[in-house]
């Protein structure tokens, strides 16, 4: 199977967030898409291990924001490779709350959509939520980030629990971050090295 063929499918890059009482969290996805026009409904697929999935199930609401090409790897790394169970992902970034009390990031965001869950589908490793859009707002006219842009320009990696993860096609040499999968192709690992994606230290790297 030619795994590269899947990269020809067009995706965006989004942060999907939810809340349950005083717990707020969000995660990076590339699976947010419009599925109907009347009523306006969006679908999002979230891994069962993600804390955000738990919050969406409990609250029945989610908010999605479309990231722009200017979004930096600190923002993407925080929401894509860290756990909302152990840290407040929103504390470093400007945020607002929607009508359901869900936090959403406003930095480097083109648009946001607030949804009420009307259906969900178990997909073994993931859950697909169908949400009816309650609010939609354009926040920027900047170009939105595609998944191809994220991989080719930002040099981003894909976490193993993402639905678009395809595994490694070739074995690289160097050191791999055990948190996000970034590979430092080098014969040595500086003791003060910081992962450019998830900001973890050299102690989280393993030799390939």
C-alpha atoms as a PDB file:
ATOM      1  CA  UNK A   1       0.000   0.000   0.000  1.00  0.00           C
ATOM      2  CA  UNK A   2       1.324   3.426  -0.973  1.00  0.00           C
ATOM      3  CA  UNK A   3       0.973   5.417   2.252  1.00  0.00           C
ATOM      4  CA  UNK A   4       1.952   8.610   0.450  1.00  0.00           C
ATOM      5  CA  UNK A   5      -1.341   8.482  -1.432  1.00  0.00           C
ATOM      6  CA  UNK A   6      -3.175   9.472   1.758  1.00  0.00           C
ATOM      7  CA  UNK A   7      -1.286  12.777   1.845  1.00  0.00           C
ATOM      8  CA  UNK A   8      -3.183  13.787  -1.309  1.00  0.00           C
ATOM      9  CA  UNK A   9      -6.374  14.022   0.745  1.00  0.00           C
ATOM     10  CA  UNK A  10      -6.901  17.631   1.771  1.00  0.00           C
ATOM     11  CA  UNK A  11      -7.162  18.460   5.471  1.00  0.00           C
ATOM     12  CA  UNK A  12      -7.063  21.567   7.602  1.00  0.00           C
ATOM     13  CA  UNK A  13      -5.588  21.959  11.071  1.00  0.00           C
ATOM     14  CA  UNK A  14      -7.944  22.786  13.927  1.00  0.00           C
ATOM     15  CA  UNK A  15      -8.185  22.998  17.692  1.00  0.00           C
ATOM     16  CA  UNK A  16     -11.332  21.360  19.058  1.00  0.00           C
ATOM     17  CA  UNK A  17     -12.184  22.156  22.667  1.00  0.00           C
ATOM     18  CA  UNK A  18     -14.841  21.372  25.239  1.00  0.00           C
ATOM     19  CA  UNK A  19     -15.578  21.759  28.938  1.00  0.00           C
ATOM     20  CA  UNK A  20     -17.319  19.967  31.777  1.00  0.00           C
ATOM     21  CA  UNK A  21     -18.065  22.173  34.781  1.00  0.00           C
ATOM     22  CA  UNK A  22     -14.679  23.756  35.635  1.00  0.00           C
ATOM     23  CA  UNK A  23     -12.579  21.442  33.429  1.00  0.00           C
ATOM     24  CA  UNK A  24     -11.481  22.842  30.074  1.00  0.00           C
ATOM     25  CA  UNK A  25      -9.347  21.198  27.424  1.00  0.00           C
ATOM     26  CA  UNK A  26      -8.713  21.023  23.698  1.00  0.00           C
ATOM     27  CA  UNK A  27      -6.711  19.072  21.147  1.00  0.00           C
ATOM     28  CA  UNK A  28      -5.383  19.431  17.613  1.00  0.00           C
ATOM     29  CA  UNK A  29      -7.365  17.591  14.929  1.00  0.00           C
ATOM     30  CA  UNK A  30      -7.425  17.521  11.140  1.00  0.00           C
ATOM     31  CA  UNK A  31     -10.869  15.905  10.988  1.00  0.00           C
ATOM     32  CA  UNK A  32     -13.262  18.846  11.464  1.00  0.00           C
ATOM     33  CA  UNK A  33     -15.516  19.151   8.435  1.00  0.00           C
ATOM     34  CA  UNK A  34     -18.954  20.360   7.398  1.00  0.00           C
ATOM     35  CA  UNK A  35     -21.333  17.489   6.659  1.00  0.00           C
ATOM     36  CA  UNK A  36     -24.722  19.177   6.057  1.00  0.00           C
ATOM     37  CA  UNK A  37     -25.970  22.656   5.162  1.00  0.00           C
ATOM     38  CA  UNK A  38     -29.556  22.591   6.473  1.00  0.00           C
ATOM     39  CA  UNK A  39     -29.168  22.400   9.386  1.00  0.00           C
ATOM     40  CA  UNK A  40     -25.487  23.348   9.405  1.00  0.00           C
ATOM     41  CA  UNK A  41     -23.645  20.445  10.988  1.00  0.00           C
ATOM     42  CA  UNK A  42     -19.966  19.684  11.533  1.00  0.00           C
ATOM     43  CA  UNK A  43     -18.323  16.340  12.197  1.00  0.00           C
ATOM     44  CA  UNK A  44     -15.155  15.811  14.218  1.00  0.00           C
ATOM     45  CA  UNK A  45     -13.302  12.587  14.997  1.00  0.00           C
ATOM     46  CA  UNK A  46     -11.409  12.371  18.297  1.00  0.00           C
ATOM     47  CA  UNK A  47      -9.272   9.558  19.697  1.00  0.00           C
ATOM     48  CA  UNK A  48     -10.805   7.719  22.645  1.00  0.00           C
ATOM     49  CA  UNK A  49      -7.678   8.333  24.732  1.00  0.00           C
ATOM     50  CA  UNK A  50      -7.964  12.127  24.408  1.00  0.00           C
ATOM     51  CA  UNK A  51      -9.232  14.042  27.430  1.00  0.00           C
ATOM     52  CA  UNK A  52     -11.145  16.310  25.041  1.00  0.00           C
ATOM     53  CA  UNK A  53     -13.228  13.320  23.900  1.00  0.00           C
ATOM     54  CA  UNK A  54     -14.263  12.705  27.505  1.00  0.00           C
ATOM     55  CA  UNK A  55     -15.309  16.334  27.953  1.00  0.00           C
ATOM     56  CA  UNK A  56     -17.330  16.389  24.728  1.00  0.00           C
ATOM     57  CA  UNK A  57     -19.204  13.256  25.791  1.00  0.00           C
ATOM     58  CA  UNK A  58     -20.000  14.663  29.225  1.00  0.00           C
ATOM     59  CA  UNK A  59     -20.973  18.194  28.159  1.00  0.00           C
ATOM     60  CA  UNK A  60     -22.528  17.554  24.755  1.00  0.00           C
ATOM     61  CA  UNK A  61     -20.765  20.589  23.263  1.00  0.00           C
ATOM     62  CA  UNK A  62     -17.581  21.343  21.348  1.00  0.00           C
ATOM     63  CA  UNK A  63     -15.994  24.353  19.694  1.00  0.00           C
ATOM     64  CA  UNK A  64     -13.651  24.167  16.715  1.00  0.00           C
ATOM     65  CA  UNK A  65     -11.260  26.830  15.468  1.00  0.00           C
ATOM     66  CA  UNK A  66      -9.449  26.835  12.123  1.00  0.00           C
ATOM     67  CA  UNK A  67      -5.764  27.713  12.521  1.00  0.00           C
ATOM     68  CA  UNK A  68      -3.977  30.083  10.164  1.00  0.00           C
ATOM     69  CA  UNK A  69      -0.574  29.531   8.582  1.00  0.00           C
ATOM     70  CA  UNK A  70       0.930  31.917  11.157  1.00  0.00           C
ATOM     71  CA  UNK A  71       0.163  29.545  14.043  1.00  0.00           C
ATOM     72  CA  UNK A  72       3.488  28.658  15.672  1.00  0.00           C
ATOM     73  CA  UNK A  73       4.704  25.297  16.896  1.00  0.00           C
ATOM     74  CA  UNK A  74       4.327  26.315  20.538  1.00  0.00           C
ATOM     75  CA  UNK A  75       0.556  26.573  20.058  1.00  0.00           C
ATOM     76  CA  UNK A  76       0.399  23.400  17.961  1.00  0.00           C
ATOM     77  CA  UNK A  77       2.684  21.491  20.333  1.00  0.00           C
ATOM     78  CA  UNK A  78       0.670  22.498  23.405  1.00  0.00           C
ATOM     79  CA  UNK A  79      -2.659  21.351  22.008  1.00  0.00           C
ATOM     80  CA  UNK A  80      -1.323  18.503  19.883  1.00  0.00           C
ATOM     81  CA  UNK A  81       1.178  16.736  22.119  1.00  0.00           C
ATOM     82  CA  UNK A  82       0.284  17.491  25.748  1.00  0.00           C
ATOM     83  CA  UNK A  83      -2.491  16.298  28.031  1.00  0.00           C
ATOM     84  CA  UNK A  84      -5.253  18.508  29.379  1.00  0.00           C
ATOM     85  CA  UNK A  85      -5.545  16.112  32.319  1.00  0.00           C
ATOM     86  CA  UNK A  86      -2.273  17.370  33.765  1.00  0.00           C
ATOM     87  CA  UNK A  87      -2.017  20.987  32.607  1.00  0.00           C
ATOM     88  CA  UNK A  88      -4.087  23.984  31.576  1.00  0.00           C
ATOM     89  CA  UNK A  89      -3.405  24.240  27.858  1.00  0.00           C
ATOM     90  CA  UNK A  90      -5.130  27.625  27.579  1.00  0.00           C
ATOM     91  CA  UNK A  91      -3.101  29.552  30.163  1.00  0.00           C
ATOM     92  CA  UNK A  92      -0.414  30.791  27.735  1.00  0.00           C
ATOM     93  CA  UNK A  93      -2.743  31.945  24.958  1.00  0.00           C
ATOM     94  CA  UNK A  94      -5.504  34.557  24.497  1.00  0.00           C
ATOM     95  CA  UNK A  95      -8.906  32.903  24.802  1.00  0.00           C
ATOM     96  CA  UNK A  96     -12.610  33.672  24.855  1.00  0.00           C
ATOM     97  CA  UNK A  97     -15.664  31.680  25.925  1.00  0.00           C
ATOM     98  CA  UNK A  98     -18.573  30.788  23.677  1.00  0.00           C
ATOM     99  CA  UNK A  99     -22.259  30.597  24.602  1.00  0.00           C
ATOM    100  CA  UNK A 100     -21.729  27.183  26.206  1.00  0.00           C
ATOM    101  CA  UNK A 101     -18.789  28.296  28.349  1.00  0.00           C
ATOM    102  CA  UNK A 102     -16.220  26.511  26.196  1.00  0.00           C
ATOM    103  CA  UNK A 103     -12.815  28.189  25.914  1.00  0.00           C
ATOM    104  CA  UNK A 104     -11.409  28.711  22.432  1.00  0.00           C
ATOM    105  CA  UNK A 105      -8.075  30.155  21.335  1.00  0.00           C
ATOM    106  CA  UNK A 106      -8.204  33.460  19.450  1.00  0.00           C
ATOM    107  CA  UNK A 107      -4.518  33.650  18.469  1.00  0.00           C
ATOM    108  CA  UNK A 108      -3.753  32.737  14.823  1.00  0.00           C
ATOM    109  CA  UNK A 109      -7.340  31.636  14.207  1.00  0.00           C
ATOM    110  CA  UNK A 110      -9.340  32.225  11.010  1.00  0.00           C
ATOM    111  CA  UNK A 111     -12.795  31.163  12.242  1.00  0.00           C
ATOM    112  CA  UNK A 112     -14.572  29.455  15.108  1.00  0.00           C
ATOM    113  CA  UNK A 113     -17.636  27.217  15.320  1.00  0.00           C
ATOM    114  CA  UNK A 114     -19.636  26.350  18.444  1.00  0.00           C
ATOM    115  CA  UNK A 115     -21.624  23.127  18.215  1.00  0.00           C
ATOM    116  CA  UNK A 116     -24.131  21.044  20.139  1.00  0.00           C
ATOM    117  CA  UNK A 117     -23.638  17.300  19.743  1.00  0.00           C
ATOM    118  CA  UNK A 118     -26.632  15.636  18.079  1.00  0.00           C
ATOM    119  CA  UNK A 119     -25.114  12.254  17.188  1.00  0.00           C
ATOM    120  CA  UNK A 120     -21.996  10.229  17.843  1.00  0.00           C
ATOM    121  CA  UNK A 121     -20.510   7.149  16.222  1.00  0.00           C
ATOM    122  CA  UNK A 122     -18.073   4.657  17.736  1.00  0.00           C
ATOM    123  CA  UNK A 123     -15.164   4.022  15.345  1.00  0.00           C
ATOM    124  CA  UNK A 124     -13.201   1.549  17.513  1.00  0.00           C
ATOM    125  CA  UNK A 125     -10.166   3.735  18.291  1.00  0.00           C
ATOM    126  CA  UNK A 126     -12.023   7.035  17.752  1.00  0.00           C
ATOM    127  CA  UNK A 127     -15.412   8.618  18.268  1.00  0.00           C
ATOM    128  CA  UNK A 128     -17.059  10.772  15.620  1.00  0.00           C
ATOM    129  CA  UNK A 129     -19.226  13.579  16.971  1.00  0.00           C
ATOM    130  CA  UNK A 130     -21.819  15.285  14.775  1.00  0.00           C
ATOM    131  CA  UNK A 131     -22.585  18.772  16.042  1.00  0.00           C
ATOM    132  CA  UNK A 132     -25.228  21.278  15.001  1.00  0.00           C
ATOM    133  CA  UNK A 133     -23.602  24.697  14.679  1.00  0.00           C
ATOM    134  CA  UNK A 134     -24.976  27.257  17.136  1.00  0.00           C
ATOM    135  CA  UNK A 135     -22.467  30.040  16.493  1.00  0.00           C
ATOM    136  CA  UNK A 136     -20.011  30.724  13.670  1.00  0.00           C
ATOM    137  CA  UNK A 137     -17.628  33.662  13.426  1.00  0.00           C
ATOM    138  CA  UNK A 138     -14.851  34.790  11.098  1.00  0.00           C
ATOM    139  CA  UNK A 139     -11.867  35.975  13.125  1.00  0.00           C
ATOM    140  CA  UNK A 140      -9.221  36.570  10.435  1.00  0.00           C
ATOM    141  CA  UNK A 141      -8.845  36.739   6.666  1.00  0.00           C
ATOM    142  CA  UNK A 142      -5.387  35.137   6.815  1.00  0.00           C
ATOM    143  CA  UNK A 143      -4.786  31.897   4.912  1.00  0.00           C
ATOM    144  CA  UNK A 144      -5.861  28.813   6.837  1.00  0.00           C
ATOM    145  CA  UNK A 145      -3.283  26.146   7.557  1.00  0.00           C
ATOM    146  CA  UNK A 146      -3.664  22.925   5.612  1.00  0.00           C
ATOM    147  CA  UNK A 147      -2.262  19.671   6.909  1.00  0.00           C
ATOM    148  CA  UNK A 148       0.129  19.604   3.955  1.00  0.00           C
ATOM    149  CA  UNK A 149       1.436  23.064   4.938  1.00  0.00           C
ATOM    150  CA  UNK A 150       1.887  21.872   8.511  1.00  0.00           C
ATOM    151  CA  UNK A 151       3.948  18.894   7.382  1.00  0.00           C
ATOM    152  CA  UNK A 152       5.924  20.481   4.540  1.00  0.00           C
ATOM    153  CA  UNK A 153       6.539  24.022   5.834  1.00  0.00           C
ATOM    154  CA  UNK A 154       6.186  23.698   9.599  1.00  0.00           C
ATOM    155  CA  UNK A 155       7.866  20.260   9.521  1.00  0.00           C
ATOM    156  CA  UNK A 156       5.213  18.977  11.901  1.00  0.00           C
ATOM    157  CA  UNK A 157       4.717  15.367  12.899  1.00  0.00           C
ATOM    158  CA  UNK A 158       1.570  13.314  13.479  1.00  0.00           C
ATOM    159  CA  UNK A 159       0.803  11.815  16.903  1.00  0.00           C
ATOM    160  CA  UNK A 160       0.096   8.081  16.940  1.00  0.00           C
ATOM    161  CA  UNK A 161      -3.474   8.584  18.181  1.00  0.00           C
ATOM    162  CA  UNK A 162      -4.400  10.798  15.228  1.00  0.00           C
ATOM    163  CA  UNK A 163      -6.702   9.218  12.629  1.00  0.00           C
ATOM    164  CA  UNK A 164      -4.291  10.217   9.869  1.00  0.00           C
ATOM    165  CA  UNK A 165      -1.211   8.601  11.470  1.00  0.00           C
ATOM    166  CA  UNK A 166       0.478   6.293   8.968  1.00  0.00           C
ATOM    167  CA  UNK A 167       3.557   5.071  10.769  1.00  0.00           C
ATOM    168  CA  UNK A 168       7.146   5.407   9.659  1.00  0.00           C
ATOM    169  CA  UNK A 169       7.893   4.558   6.045  1.00  0.00           C
ATOM    170  CA  UNK A 170      11.650   4.652   6.461  1.00  0.00           C
ATOM    171  CA  UNK A 171      13.863   4.156   9.483  1.00  0.00           C
ATOM    172  CA  UNK A 172      15.625   7.374  10.408  1.00  0.00           C
ATOM    173  CA  UNK A 173      18.795   7.582  12.455  1.00  0.00           C
ATOM    174  CA  UNK A 174      19.290   9.878  15.398  1.00  0.00           C
ATOM    175  CA  UNK A 175      17.089  10.541  18.421  1.00  0.00           C
ATOM    176  CA  UNK A 176      13.293  10.448  18.646  1.00  0.00           C
ATOM    177  CA  UNK A 177      11.164  12.437  21.073  1.00  0.00           C
ATOM    178  CA  UNK A 178       9.052   9.918  22.995  1.00  0.00           C
ATOM    179  CA  UNK A 179       6.311  12.512  23.455  1.00  0.00           C
ATOM    180  CA  UNK A 180       5.598  13.811  19.936  1.00  0.00           C
ATOM    181  CA  UNK A 181       7.722  11.659  17.629  1.00  0.00           C
ATOM    182  CA  UNK A 182      10.039  14.424  16.351  1.00  0.00           C
ATOM    183  CA  UNK A 183      13.345  12.988  15.104  1.00  0.00           C
ATOM    184  CA  UNK A 184      16.641  14.813  15.566  1.00  0.00           C
ATOM    185  CA  UNK A 185      18.827  13.395  12.816  1.00  0.00           C
ATOM    186  CA  UNK A 186      22.178  13.725  14.538  1.00  0.00           C
ATOM    187  CA  UNK A 187      24.933  11.519  15.903  1.00  0.00           C
ATOM    188  CA  UNK A 188      24.806  13.338  19.242  1.00  0.00           C
ATOM    189  CA  UNK A 189      22.070  14.741  21.472  1.00  0.00           C
ATOM    190  CA  UNK A 190      23.003  17.967  23.300  1.00  0.00           C
ATOM    191  CA  UNK A 191      22.026  17.710  26.995  1.00  0.00           C
ATOM    192  CA  UNK A 192      20.207  21.055  26.790  1.00  0.00           C
ATOM    193  CA  UNK A 193      18.286  20.188  23.598  1.00  0.00           C
ATOM    194  CA  UNK A 194      14.619  21.188  23.585  1.00  0.00           C
ATOM    195  CA  UNK A 195      12.149  19.547  21.207  1.00  0.00           C
ATOM    196  CA  UNK A 196      10.979  22.211  18.722  1.00  0.00           C
ATOM    197  CA  UNK A 197       7.469  20.735  18.642  1.00  0.00           C
ATOM    198  CA  UNK A 198       6.434  19.717  22.162  1.00  0.00           C
ATOM    199  CA  UNK A 199       9.129  21.636  24.124  1.00  0.00           C
ATOM    200  CA  UNK A 200      10.271  18.583  26.071  1.00  0.00           C
ATOM    201  CA  UNK A 201      13.902  18.196  27.152  1.00  0.00           C
ATOM    202  CA  UNK A 202      16.627  15.808  26.071  1.00  0.00           C
ATOM    203  CA  UNK A 203      15.580  13.292  28.745  1.00  0.00           C
ATOM    204  CA  UNK A 204      12.471  12.500  26.671  1.00  0.00           C
ATOM    205  CA  UNK A 205      14.542  11.464  23.606  1.00  0.00           C
ATOM    206  CA  UNK A 206      15.511   7.879  22.786  1.00  0.00           C
ATOM    207  CA  UNK A 207      18.264   6.785  20.424  1.00  0.00           C
ATOM    208  CA  UNK A 208      17.099   5.137  17.182  1.00  0.00           C
END
